[in-house]
């Protein structure tokens, strides 16, 4: 078991279980709630709350992907996707929404569209 600085969260690297202090359970559930929709985490209710990361959650963590991006990938990626489909799906990543287009590139993008 590994403890965080405040000893409020215990993380077992072997099993992947995260156990938090009951006083902060509601806060953690709210923050991780959106991860449940795309199967990035599962909640185990016992006497205390336990979170266990899924394989999809570990991939998202490793590549710094948001849950929105992983949800998009999970819904749209299929085994039959072509190379063009992959580019289209990856371009829908939530991480791209803050990228700005330079003024000098706008004209060229209009030509391509």
PDB file of N, CA and C in Angstrom:
ATOM      1  N   UNK A   1       0.835  -1.190   0.000  1.00  0.00           N
ATOM      2  CA  UNK A   1       0.000   0.000   0.000  1.00  0.00           C
ATOM      3  C   UNK A   1       0.872   1.243   0.000  1.00  0.00           C
ATOM      4  N   UNK A   2       0.431   2.238  -0.721  1.00  0.00           N
ATOM      5  CA  UNK A   2       1.131   3.509  -0.784  1.00  0.00           C
ATOM      6  C   UNK A   2       0.148   4.584  -0.342  1.00  0.00           C
ATOM      7  N   UNK A   3       0.598   5.515   0.497  1.00  0.00           N
ATOM      8  CA  UNK A   3      -0.264   6.582   0.989  1.00  0.00           C
ATOM      9  C   UNK A   3       0.118   7.898   0.346  1.00  0.00           C
ATOM     10  N   UNK A   4      -0.878   8.754   0.129  1.00  0.00           N
ATOM     11  CA  UNK A   4      -0.560  10.087  -0.369  1.00  0.00           C
ATOM     12  C   UNK A   4      -0.081  10.956   0.788  1.00  0.00           C
ATOM     13  N   UNK A   5       0.226  12.240   0.516  1.00  0.00           N
ATOM     14  CA  UNK A   5       0.801  13.128   1.524  1.00  0.00           C
ATOM     15  C   UNK A   5      -0.080  13.261   2.751  1.00  0.00           C
ATOM     16  N   UNK A   6      -1.372  13.403   2.568  1.00  0.00           N
ATOM     17  CA  UNK A   6      -2.278  13.595   3.693  1.00  0.00           C
ATOM     18  C   UNK A   6      -2.810  12.291   4.252  1.00  0.00           C
ATOM     19  N   UNK A   7      -2.370  11.163   3.754  1.00  0.00           N
ATOM     20  CA  UNK A   7      -2.838   9.835   4.167  1.00  0.00           C
ATOM     21  C   UNK A   7      -4.351   9.691   4.023  1.00  0.00           C
ATOM     22  N   UNK A   8      -4.935  10.392   3.054  1.00  0.00           N
ATOM     23  CA  UNK A   8      -6.369  10.296   2.831  1.00  0.00           C
ATOM     24  C   UNK A   8      -6.704   9.257   1.773  1.00  0.00           C
ATOM     25  N   UNK A   9      -5.725   8.942   0.934  1.00  0.00           N
ATOM     26  CA  UNK A   9      -5.950   7.965  -0.130  1.00  0.00           C
ATOM     27  C   UNK A   9      -4.885   6.883  -0.047  1.00  0.00           C
ATOM     28  N   UNK A  10      -5.314   5.642  -0.051  1.00  0.00           N
ATOM     29  CA  UNK A  10      -4.390   4.511  -0.069  1.00  0.00           C
ATOM     30  C   UNK A  10      -4.465   3.887  -1.455  1.00  0.00           C
ATOM     31  N   UNK A  11      -3.320   3.646  -2.048  1.00  0.00           N
ATOM     32  CA  UNK A  11      -3.275   3.052  -3.386  1.00  0.00           C
ATOM     33  C   UNK A  11      -2.438   1.790  -3.335  1.00  0.00           C
ATOM     34  N   UNK A  12      -3.027   0.685  -3.724  1.00  0.00           N
ATOM     35  CA  UNK A  12      -2.330  -0.590  -3.779  1.00  0.00           C
ATOM     36  C   UNK A  12      -1.921  -0.832  -5.228  1.00  0.00           C
ATOM     37  N   UNK A  13      -0.607  -0.719  -5.517  1.00  0.00           N
ATOM     38  CA  UNK A  13      -0.126  -0.873  -6.895  1.00  0.00           C
ATOM     39  C   UNK A  13      -0.390  -2.274  -7.444  1.00  0.00           C
ATOM     40  N   UNK A  14      -0.345  -3.267  -6.586  1.00  0.00           N
ATOM     41  CA  UNK A  14      -0.512  -4.643  -7.043  1.00  0.00           C
ATOM     42  C   UNK A  14      -1.932  -4.896  -7.562  1.00  0.00           C
ATOM     43  N   UNK A  15      -2.932  -4.477  -6.800  1.00  0.00           N
ATOM     44  CA  UNK A  15      -4.316  -4.730  -7.201  1.00  0.00           C
ATOM     45  C   UNK A  15      -4.933  -3.580  -7.977  1.00  0.00           C
ATOM     46  N   UNK A  16      -4.324  -2.378  -7.893  1.00  0.00           N
ATOM     47  CA  UNK A  16      -4.870  -1.213  -8.585  1.00  0.00           C
ATOM     48  C   UNK A  16      -6.031  -0.573  -7.854  1.00  0.00           C
ATOM     49  N   UNK A  17      -6.253  -0.970  -6.593  1.00  0.00           N
ATOM     50  CA  UNK A  17      -7.362  -0.416  -5.822  1.00  0.00           C
ATOM     51  C   UNK A  17      -6.971   0.902  -5.172  1.00  0.00           C
ATOM     52  N   UNK A  18      -7.897   1.854  -5.190  1.00  0.00           N
ATOM     53  CA  UNK A  18      -7.711   3.131  -4.514  1.00  0.00           C
ATOM     54  C   UNK A  18      -8.779   3.212  -3.432  1.00  0.00           C
ATOM     55  N   UNK A  19      -8.361   3.450  -2.198  1.00  0.00           N
ATOM     56  CA  UNK A  19      -9.303   3.554  -1.089  1.00  0.00           C
ATOM     57  C   UNK A  19      -9.141   4.928  -0.468  1.00  0.00           C
ATOM     58  N   UNK A  20     -10.238   5.675  -0.344  1.00  0.00           N
ATOM     59  CA  UNK A  20     -10.136   6.999   0.240  1.00  0.00           C
ATOM     60  C   UNK A  20     -10.790   7.038   1.608  1.00  0.00           C
ATOM     61  N   UNK A  21     -10.397   8.021   2.389  1.00  0.00           N
ATOM     62  CA  UNK A  21     -10.985   8.267   3.696  1.00  0.00           C
ATOM     63  C   UNK A  21     -12.461   8.604   3.494  1.00  0.00           C
ATOM     64  N   UNK A  22     -13.342   8.071   4.338  1.00  0.00           N
ATOM     65  CA  UNK A  22     -14.781   8.277   4.188  1.00  0.00           C
ATOM     66  C   UNK A  22     -15.185   9.747   4.216  1.00  0.00           C
ATOM     67  N   UNK A  23     -14.424  10.586   4.904  1.00  0.00           N
ATOM     68  CA  UNK A  23     -14.782  12.005   5.001  1.00  0.00           C
ATOM     69  C   UNK A  23     -14.753  12.683   3.640  1.00  0.00           C
ATOM     70  N   UNK A  24     -13.983  12.161   2.701  1.00  0.00           N
ATOM     71  CA  UNK A  24     -13.829  12.802   1.401  1.00  0.00           C
ATOM     72  C   UNK A  24     -14.419  11.972   0.268  1.00  0.00           C
ATOM     73  N   UNK A  25     -15.188  10.957   0.589  1.00  0.00           N
ATOM     74  CA  UNK A  25     -15.742  10.073  -0.425  1.00  0.00           C
ATOM     75  C   UNK A  25     -16.609  10.776  -1.446  1.00  0.00           C
ATOM     76  N   UNK A  26     -17.437  11.699  -1.004  1.00  0.00           N
ATOM     77  CA  UNK A  26     -18.352  12.382  -1.914  1.00  0.00           C
ATOM     78  C   UNK A  26     -17.581  13.201  -2.938  1.00  0.00           C
ATOM     79  N   UNK A  27     -16.543  13.904  -2.507  1.00  0.00           N
ATOM     80  CA  UNK A  27     -15.743  14.726  -3.415  1.00  0.00           C
ATOM     81  C   UNK A  27     -15.100  13.858  -4.481  1.00  0.00           C
ATOM     82  N   UNK A  28     -14.524  12.732  -4.085  1.00  0.00           N
ATOM     83  CA  UNK A  28     -13.843  11.862  -5.035  1.00  0.00           C
ATOM     84  C   UNK A  28     -14.844  11.238  -6.003  1.00  0.00           C
ATOM     85  N   UNK A  29     -16.002  10.839  -5.512  1.00  0.00           N
ATOM     86  CA  UNK A  29     -17.011  10.247  -6.389  1.00  0.00           C
ATOM     87  C   UNK A  29     -17.470  11.266  -7.425  1.00  0.00           C
ATOM     88  N   UNK A  30     -17.643  12.513  -7.031  1.00  0.00           N
ATOM     89  CA  UNK A  30     -18.071  13.547  -7.976  1.00  0.00           C
ATOM     90  C   UNK A  30     -17.009  13.770  -9.042  1.00  0.00           C
ATOM     91  N   UNK A  31     -15.745  13.828  -8.651  1.00  0.00           N
ATOM     92  CA  UNK A  31     -14.680  14.072  -9.617  1.00  0.00           C
ATOM     93  C   UNK A  31     -14.500  12.896 -10.565  1.00  0.00           C
ATOM     94  N   UNK A  32     -14.686  11.686 -10.088  1.00  0.00           N
ATOM     95  CA  UNK A  32     -14.490  10.514 -10.936  1.00  0.00           C
ATOM     96  C   UNK A  32     -15.781  10.058 -11.604  1.00  0.00           C
ATOM     97  N   UNK A  33     -16.892  10.688 -11.281  1.00  0.00           N
ATOM     98  CA  UNK A  33     -18.187  10.257 -11.796  1.00  0.00           C
ATOM     99  C   UNK A  33     -18.254  10.198 -13.303  1.00  0.00           C
ATOM    100  N   UNK A  34     -17.663  11.164 -13.977  1.00  0.00           N
ATOM    101  CA  UNK A  34     -17.736  11.187 -15.431  1.00  0.00           C
ATOM    102  C   UNK A  34     -16.877  10.097 -16.058  1.00  0.00           C
ATOM    103  N   UNK A  35     -15.939   9.553 -15.315  1.00  0.00           N
ATOM    104  CA  UNK A  35     -15.108   8.473 -15.844  1.00  0.00           C
ATOM    105  C   UNK A  35     -15.893   7.169 -15.958  1.00  0.00           C
ATOM    106  N   UNK A  36     -16.965   7.009 -15.182  1.00  0.00           N
ATOM    107  CA  UNK A  36     -17.728   5.766 -15.228  1.00  0.00           C
ATOM    108  C   UNK A  36     -18.423   5.567 -16.562  1.00  0.00           C
ATOM    109  N   UNK A  37     -18.833   6.668 -17.208  1.00  0.00           N
ATOM    110  CA  UNK A  37     -19.562   6.573 -18.470  1.00  0.00           C
ATOM    111  C   UNK A  37     -18.762   5.897 -19.564  1.00  0.00           C
ATOM    112  N   UNK A  38     -17.450   5.995 -19.510  1.00  0.00           N
ATOM    113  CA  UNK A  38     -16.645   5.377 -20.574  1.00  0.00           C
ATOM    114  C   UNK A  38     -15.797   4.235 -20.026  1.00  0.00           C
ATOM    115  N   UNK A  39     -16.238   3.647 -18.921  1.00  0.00           N
ATOM    116  CA  UNK A  39     -15.586   2.454 -18.374  1.00  0.00           C
ATOM    117  C   UNK A  39     -14.113   2.661 -18.047  1.00  0.00           C
ATOM    118  N   UNK A  40     -13.747   3.837 -17.522  1.00  0.00           N
ATOM    119  CA  UNK A  40     -12.361   4.072 -17.140  1.00  0.00           C
ATOM    120  C   UNK A  40     -12.130   3.727 -15.673  1.00  0.00           C
ATOM    121  N   UNK A  41     -13.194   3.610 -14.908  1.00  0.00           N
ATOM    122  CA  UNK A  41     -13.062   3.262 -13.501  1.00  0.00           C
ATOM    123  C   UNK A  41     -14.334   2.539 -13.076  1.00  0.00           C
ATOM    124  N   UNK A  42     -14.213   1.722 -12.081  1.00  0.00           N
ATOM    125  CA  UNK A  42     -15.376   1.029 -11.535  1.00  0.00           C
ATOM    126  C   UNK A  42     -15.416   1.288 -10.037  1.00  0.00           C
ATOM    127  N   UNK A  43     -16.598   1.395  -9.508  1.00  0.00           N
ATOM    128  CA  UNK A  43     -16.781   1.671  -8.090  1.00  0.00           C
ATOM    129  C   UNK A  43     -17.201   0.385  -7.395  1.00  0.00           C
ATOM    130  N   UNK A  44     -16.502   0.046  -6.329  1.00  0.00           N
ATOM    131  CA  UNK A  44     -16.849  -1.116  -5.533  1.00  0.00           C
ATOM    132  C   UNK A  44     -17.349  -0.620  -4.181  1.00  0.00           C
ATOM    133  N   UNK A  45     -18.590  -0.934  -3.833  1.00  0.00           N
ATOM    134  CA  UNK A  45     -19.145  -0.521  -2.555  1.00  0.00           C
ATOM    135  C   UNK A  45     -19.016  -1.667  -1.573  1.00  0.00           C
ATOM    136  N   UNK A  46     -18.393  -1.385  -0.494  1.00  0.00           N
ATOM    137  CA  UNK A  46     -18.254  -2.325   0.598  1.00  0.00           C
ATOM    138  C   UNK A  46     -18.508  -1.494   1.840  1.00  0.00           C
ATOM    139  N   UNK A  47     -17.784  -1.723   2.912  1.00  0.00           N
ATOM    140  CA  UNK A  47     -17.878  -0.843   4.068  1.00  0.00           C
ATOM    141  C   UNK A  47     -17.283   0.512   3.711  1.00  0.00           C
ATOM    142  N   UNK A  48     -16.255   0.528   2.899  1.00  0.00           N
ATOM    143  CA  UNK A  48     -15.635   1.760   2.415  1.00  0.00           C
ATOM    144  C   UNK A  48     -15.708   1.762   0.897  1.00  0.00           C
ATOM    145  N   UNK A  49     -15.450   2.912   0.307  1.00  0.00           N
ATOM    146  CA  UNK A  49     -15.472   3.010  -1.154  1.00  0.00           C
ATOM    147  C   UNK A  49     -14.122   2.613  -1.726  1.00  0.00           C
ATOM    148  N   UNK A  50     -14.140   1.818  -2.774  1.00  0.00           N
ATOM    149  CA  UNK A  50     -12.924   1.413  -3.463  1.00  0.00           C
ATOM    150  C   UNK A  50     -13.080   1.745  -4.940  1.00  0.00           C
ATOM    151  N   UNK A  51     -12.035   2.235  -5.546  1.00  0.00           N
ATOM    152  CA  UNK A  51     -12.011   2.477  -6.986  1.00  0.00           C
ATOM    153  C   UNK A  51     -10.944   1.580  -7.581  1.00  0.00           C
ATOM    154  N   UNK A  52     -11.267   0.965  -8.684  1.00  0.00           N
ATOM    155  CA  UNK A  52     -10.282   0.144  -9.374  1.00  0.00           C
ATOM    156  C   UNK A  52     -10.231   0.597 -10.823  1.00  0.00           C
ATOM    157  N   UNK A  53      -9.046   0.956 -11.276  1.00  0.00           N
ATOM    158  CA  UNK A  53      -8.880   1.415 -12.655  1.00  0.00           C
ATOM    159  C   UNK A  53      -9.061   0.243 -13.611  1.00  0.00           C
ATOM    160  N   UNK A  54      -9.696   0.508 -14.738  1.00  0.00           N
ATOM    161  CA  UNK A  54      -9.837  -0.505 -15.781  1.00  0.00           C
ATOM    162  C   UNK A  54      -8.675  -0.345 -16.757  1.00  0.00           C
ATOM    163  N   UNK A  55      -8.574  -1.259 -17.694  1.00  0.00           N
ATOM    164  CA  UNK A  55      -7.512  -1.174 -18.705  1.00  0.00           C
ATOM    165  C   UNK A  55      -7.647   0.118 -19.512  1.00  0.00           C
ATOM    166  N   UNK A  56      -8.874   0.479 -19.843  1.00  0.00           N
ATOM    167  CA  UNK A  56      -9.115   1.721 -20.584  1.00  0.00           C
ATOM    168  C   UNK A  56      -8.670   2.939 -19.772  1.00  0.00           C
ATOM    169  N   UNK A  57      -8.918   2.910 -18.476  1.00  0.00           N
ATOM    170  CA  UNK A  57      -8.472   3.999 -17.604  1.00  0.00           C
ATOM    171  C   UNK A  57      -6.962   4.094 -17.528  1.00  0.00           C
ATOM    172  N   UNK A  58      -6.293   2.954 -17.491  1.00  0.00           N
ATOM    173  CA  UNK A  58      -4.823   2.956 -17.456  1.00  0.00           C
ATOM    174  C   UNK A  58      -4.246   3.509 -18.761  1.00  0.00           C
ATOM    175  N   UNK A  59      -4.859   3.171 -19.879  1.00  0.00           N
ATOM    176  CA  UNK A  59      -4.402   3.702 -21.171  1.00  0.00           C
ATOM    177  C   UNK A  59      -4.579   5.217 -21.197  1.00  0.00           C
ATOM    178  N   UNK A  60      -5.730   5.693 -20.753  1.00  0.00           N
ATOM    179  CA  UNK A  60      -5.989   7.140 -20.722  1.00  0.00           C
ATOM    180  C   UNK A  60      -4.984   7.852 -19.837  1.00  0.00           C
ATOM    181  N   UNK A  61      -4.671   7.265 -18.709  1.00  0.00           N
ATOM    182  CA  UNK A  61      -3.705   7.866 -17.792  1.00  0.00           C
ATOM    183  C   UNK A  61      -2.308   7.888 -18.402  1.00  0.00           C
ATOM    184  N   UNK A  62      -1.935   6.812 -19.054  1.00  0.00           N
ATOM    185  CA  UNK A  62      -0.600   6.712 -19.642  1.00  0.00           C
ATOM    186  C   UNK A  62      -0.388   7.751 -20.742  1.00  0.00           C
ATOM    187  N   UNK A  63      -1.412   7.985 -21.563  1.00  0.00           N
ATOM    188  CA  UNK A  63      -1.293   8.909 -22.690  1.00  0.00           C
ATOM    189  C   UNK A  63      -1.870  10.292 -22.392  1.00  0.00           C
ATOM    190  N   UNK A  64      -2.244  10.556 -21.135  1.00  0.00           N
ATOM    191  CA  UNK A  64      -2.785  11.858 -20.712  1.00  0.00           C
ATOM    192  C   UNK A  64      -4.027  12.248 -21.507  1.00  0.00           C
ATOM    193  N   UNK A  65      -4.906  11.302 -21.733  1.00  0.00           N
ATOM    194  CA  UNK A  65      -6.154  11.577 -22.453  1.00  0.00           C
ATOM    195  C   UNK A  65      -7.257  11.895 -21.450  1.00  0.00           C
ATOM    196  N   UNK A  66      -8.133  12.823 -21.820  1.00  0.00           N
ATOM    197  CA  UNK A  66      -9.268  13.136 -20.960  1.00  0.00           C
ATOM    198  C   UNK A  66     -10.322  12.041 -21.101  1.00  0.00           C
ATOM    199  N   UNK A  67     -11.261  12.029 -20.157  1.00  0.00           N
ATOM    200  CA  UNK A  67     -12.312  11.015 -20.242  1.00  0.00           C
ATOM    201  C   UNK A  67     -13.183  11.250 -21.470  1.00  0.00           C
ATOM    202  N   UNK A  68     -13.339  12.535 -21.886  1.00  0.00           N
ATOM    203  CA  UNK A  68     -14.134  12.821 -23.083  1.00  0.00           C
ATOM    204  C   UNK A  68     -13.497  12.183 -24.322  1.00  0.00           C
ATOM    205  N   UNK A  69     -12.174  12.305 -24.414  1.00  0.00           N
ATOM    206  CA  UNK A  69     -11.460  11.715 -25.546  1.00  0.00           C
ATOM    207  C   UNK A  69     -11.604  10.201 -25.534  1.00  0.00           C
ATOM    208  N   UNK A  70     -11.413   9.584 -24.381  1.00  0.00           N
ATOM    209  CA  UNK A  70     -11.515   8.129 -24.298  1.00  0.00           C
ATOM    210  C   UNK A  70     -12.937   7.663 -24.593  1.00  0.00           C
ATOM    211  N   UNK A  71     -13.921   8.456 -24.191  1.00  0.00           N
ATOM    212  CA  UNK A  71     -15.306   8.102 -24.482  1.00  0.00           C
ATOM    213  C   UNK A  71     -15.550   8.142 -25.994  1.00  0.00           C
ATOM    214  N   UNK A  72     -14.997   9.160 -26.654  1.00  0.00           N
ATOM    215  CA  UNK A  72     -15.114   9.261 -28.114  1.00  0.00           C
ATOM    216  C   UNK A  72     -14.453   8.065 -28.783  1.00  0.00           C
ATOM    217  N   UNK A  73     -13.231   7.746 -28.369  1.00  0.00           N
ATOM    218  CA  UNK A  73     -12.521   6.600 -28.950  1.00  0.00           C
ATOM    219  C   UNK A  73     -13.301   5.310 -28.720  1.00  0.00           C
ATOM    220  N   UNK A  74     -13.791   5.136 -27.504  1.00  0.00           N
ATOM    221  CA  UNK A  74     -14.502   3.917 -27.138  1.00  0.00           C
ATOM    222  C   UNK A  74     -15.769   3.745 -27.977  1.00  0.00           C
ATOM    223  N   UNK A  75     -16.448   4.843 -28.291  1.00  0.00           N
ATOM    224  CA  UNK A  75     -17.683   4.772 -29.072  1.00  0.00           C
ATOM    225  C   UNK A  75     -17.424   4.590 -30.564  1.00  0.00           C
ATOM    226  N   UNK A  76     -16.392   5.243 -31.096  1.00  0.00           N
ATOM    227  CA  UNK A  76     -16.224   5.306 -32.548  1.00  0.00           C
ATOM    228  C   UNK A  76     -15.197   4.343 -33.136  1.00  0.00           C
ATOM    229  N   UNK A  77     -14.207   3.933 -32.354  1.00  0.00           N
ATOM    230  CA  UNK A  77     -13.183   3.042 -32.909  1.00  0.00           C
ATOM    231  C   UNK A  77     -13.750   1.638 -33.109  1.00  0.00           C
ATOM    232  N   UNK A  78     -13.612   1.153 -34.304  1.00  0.00           N
ATOM    233  CA  UNK A  78     -14.064  -0.197 -34.655  1.00  0.00           C
ATOM    234  C   UNK A  78     -12.917  -0.934 -35.330  1.00  0.00           C
ATOM    235  N   UNK A  79     -12.975  -2.233 -35.316  1.00  0.00           N
ATOM    236  CA  UNK A  79     -11.932  -3.046 -35.945  1.00  0.00           C
ATOM    237  C   UNK A  79     -11.887  -2.827 -37.457  1.00  0.00           C
ATOM    238  N   UNK A  80     -12.988  -2.381 -38.033  1.00  0.00           N
ATOM    239  CA  UNK A  80     -13.060  -2.186 -39.484  1.00  0.00           C
ATOM    240  C   UNK A  80     -12.722  -0.756 -39.910  1.00  0.00           C
ATOM    241  N   UNK A  81     -12.274   0.086 -38.985  1.00  0.00           N
ATOM    242  CA  UNK A  81     -11.982   1.492 -39.305  1.00  0.00           C
ATOM    243  C   UNK A  81     -10.823   1.586 -40.293  1.00  0.00           C
ATOM    244  N   UNK A  82     -10.997   2.444 -41.281  1.00  0.00           N
ATOM    245  CA  UNK A  82      -9.935   2.675 -42.263  1.00  0.00           C
ATOM    246  C   UNK A  82      -8.978   3.734 -41.719  1.00  0.00           C
ATOM    247  N   UNK A  83      -7.909   3.963 -42.453  1.00  0.00           N
ATOM    248  CA  UNK A  83      -6.936   4.973 -42.039  1.00  0.00           C
ATOM    249  C   UNK A  83      -7.583   6.359 -41.973  1.00  0.00           C
ATOM    250  N   UNK A  84      -8.435   6.663 -42.932  1.00  0.00           N
ATOM    251  CA  UNK A  84      -9.155   7.944 -42.954  1.00  0.00           C
ATOM    252  C   UNK A  84     -10.062   8.050 -41.730  1.00  0.00           C
ATOM    253  N   UNK A  85     -10.752   6.957 -41.390  1.00  0.00           N
ATOM    254  CA  UNK A  85     -11.613   6.952 -40.201  1.00  0.00           C
ATOM    255  C   UNK A  85     -10.800   7.231 -38.940  1.00  0.00           C
ATOM    256  N   UNK A  86      -9.616   6.625 -38.854  1.00  0.00           N
ATOM    257  CA  UNK A  86      -8.764   6.840 -37.682  1.00  0.00           C
ATOM    258  C   UNK A  86      -8.367   8.305 -37.545  1.00  0.00           C
ATOM    259  N   UNK A  87      -7.975   8.934 -38.653  1.00  0.00           N
ATOM    260  CA  UNK A  87      -7.629  10.360 -38.606  1.00  0.00           C
ATOM    261  C   UNK A  87      -8.829  11.199 -38.175  1.00  0.00           C
ATOM    262  N   UNK A  88     -10.007  10.860 -38.694  1.00  0.00           N
ATOM    263  CA  UNK A  88     -11.219  11.599 -38.341  1.00  0.00           C
ATOM    264  C   UNK A  88     -11.530  11.441 -36.855  1.00  0.00           C
ATOM    265  N   UNK A  89     -11.435  10.221 -36.353  1.00  0.00           N
ATOM    266  CA  UNK A  89     -11.734   9.956 -34.943  1.00  0.00           C
ATOM    267  C   UNK A  89     -10.711  10.634 -34.040  1.00  0.00           C
ATOM    268  N   UNK A  90      -9.426  10.505 -34.353  1.00  0.00           N
ATOM    269  CA  UNK A  90      -8.398  11.122 -33.513  1.00  0.00           C
ATOM    270  C   UNK A  90      -8.474  12.643 -33.553  1.00  0.00           C
ATOM    271  N   UNK A  91      -8.930  13.197 -34.673  1.00  0.00           N
ATOM    272  CA  UNK A  91      -9.068  14.659 -34.744  1.00  0.00           C
ATOM    273  C   UNK A  91     -10.213  15.161 -33.876  1.00  0.00           C
ATOM    274  N   UNK A  92     -11.080  14.271 -33.429  1.00  0.00           N
ATOM    275  CA  UNK A  92     -12.191  14.647 -32.552  1.00  0.00           C
ATOM    276  C   UNK A  92     -11.784  14.650 -31.082  1.00  0.00           C
ATOM    277  N   UNK A  93     -10.520  14.417 -30.789  1.00  0.00           N
ATOM    278  CA  UNK A  93     -10.033  14.386 -29.409  1.00  0.00           C
ATOM    279  C   UNK A  93     -10.307  15.707 -28.709  1.00  0.00           C
ATOM    280  N   UNK A  94     -10.706  15.632 -27.459  1.00  0.00           N
ATOM    281  CA  UNK A  94     -11.015  16.832 -26.669  1.00  0.00           C
ATOM    282  C   UNK A  94      -9.785  17.717 -26.488  1.00  0.00           C
ATOM    283  N   UNK A  95      -8.603  17.135 -26.553  1.00  0.00           N
ATOM    284  CA  UNK A  95      -7.377  17.910 -26.358  1.00  0.00           C
ATOM    285  C   UNK A  95      -7.158  18.935 -27.474  1.00  0.00           C
ATOM    286  N   UNK A  96      -7.791  18.745 -28.617  1.00  0.00           N
ATOM    287  CA  UNK A  96      -7.610  19.663 -29.744  1.00  0.00           C
ATOM    288  C   UNK A  96      -8.514  20.895 -29.674  1.00  0.00           C
ATOM    289  N   UNK A  97      -9.460  20.932 -28.749  1.00  0.00           N
ATOM    290  CA  UNK A  97     -10.422  22.035 -28.762  1.00  0.00           C
ATOM    291  C   UNK A  97      -9.801  23.380 -28.392  1.00  0.00           C
ATOM    292  N   UNK A  98      -8.618  23.385 -27.801  1.00  0.00           N
ATOM    293  CA  UNK A  98      -7.970  24.640 -27.412  1.00  0.00           C
ATOM    294  C   UNK A  98      -6.898  25.087 -28.405  1.00  0.00           C
ATOM    295  N   UNK A  99      -6.734  24.370 -29.499  1.00  0.00           N
ATOM    296  CA  UNK A  99      -5.728  24.746 -30.492  1.00  0.00           C
ATOM    297  C   UNK A  99      -6.307  25.848 -31.377  1.00  0.00           C
ATOM    298  N   UNK A 100      -5.579  26.920 -31.489  1.00  0.00           N
ATOM    299  CA  UNK A 100      -6.019  28.067 -32.293  1.00  0.00           C
ATOM    300  C   UNK A 100      -5.384  27.987 -33.687  1.00  0.00           C
ATOM    301  N   UNK A 101      -6.109  28.472 -34.681  1.00  0.00           N
ATOM    302  CA  UNK A 101      -5.607  28.515 -36.054  1.00  0.00           C
ATOM    303  C   UNK A 101      -4.993  29.889 -36.283  1.00  0.00           C
ATOM    304  N   UNK A 102      -3.791  29.916 -36.854  1.00  0.00           N
ATOM    305  CA  UNK A 102      -3.127  31.188 -37.156  1.00  0.00           C
ATOM    306  C   UNK A 102      -3.851  31.887 -38.304  1.00  0.00           C
ATOM    307  N   UNK A 103      -3.793  33.209 -38.289  1.00  0.00           N
ATOM    308  CA  UNK A 103      -4.455  34.009 -39.325  1.00  0.00           C
ATOM    309  C   UNK A 103      -3.979  33.627 -40.723  1.00  0.00           C
ATOM    310  N   UNK A 104      -2.664  33.440 -40.883  1.00  0.00           N
ATOM    311  CA  UNK A 104      -2.130  33.123 -42.210  1.00  0.00           C
ATOM    312  C   UNK A 104      -2.525  31.725 -42.690  1.00  0.00           C
ATOM    313  N   UNK A 105      -2.992  30.862 -41.772  1.00  0.00           N
ATOM    314  CA  UNK A 105      -3.405  29.511 -42.156  1.00  0.00           C
ATOM    315  C   UNK A 105      -4.883  29.436 -42.521  1.00  0.00           C
ATOM    316  N   UNK A 106      -5.670  30.417 -42.122  1.00  0.00           N
ATOM    317  CA  UNK A 106      -7.116  30.366 -42.361  1.00  0.00           C
ATOM    318  C   UNK A 106      -7.452  30.329 -43.848  1.00  0.00           C
ATOM    319  N   UNK A 107      -6.764  31.130 -44.647  1.00  0.00           N
ATOM    320  CA  UNK A 107      -7.028  31.155 -46.086  1.00  0.00           C
ATOM    321  C   UNK A 107      -6.721  29.800 -46.722  1.00  0.00           C
ATOM    322  N   UNK A 108      -5.603  29.220 -46.325  1.00  0.00           N
ATOM    323  CA  UNK A 108      -5.231  27.912 -46.876  1.00  0.00           C
ATOM    324  C   UNK A 108      -6.222  26.828 -46.449  1.00  0.00           C
ATOM    325  N   UNK A 109      -6.701  26.894 -45.212  1.00  0.00           N
ATOM    326  CA  UNK A 109      -7.691  25.922 -44.747  1.00  0.00           C
ATOM    327  C   UNK A 109      -9.004  26.062 -45.504  1.00  0.00           C
ATOM    328  N   UNK A 110      -9.371  27.286 -45.859  1.00  0.00           N
ATOM    329  CA  UNK A 110     -10.594  27.489 -46.645  1.00  0.00           C
ATOM    330  C   UNK A 110     -10.453  26.875 -48.033  1.00  0.00           C
ATOM    331  N   UNK A 111      -9.257  26.952 -48.606  1.00  0.00           N
ATOM    332  CA  UNK A 111      -9.019  26.349 -49.920  1.00  0.00           C
ATOM    333  C   UNK A 111      -9.143  24.830 -49.853  1.00  0.00           C
ATOM    334  N   UNK A 112      -8.661  24.252 -48.758  1.00  0.00           N
ATOM    335  CA  UNK A 112      -8.693  22.795 -48.609  1.00  0.00           C
ATOM    336  C   UNK A 112     -10.104  22.276 -48.338  1.00  0.00           C
ATOM    337  N   UNK A 113     -10.940  23.083 -47.748  1.00  0.00           N
ATOM    338  CA  UNK A 113     -12.290  22.634 -47.361  1.00  0.00           C
ATOM    339  C   UNK A 113     -13.232  22.512 -48.502  1.00  0.00           C
TER     340      UNK A 113
END
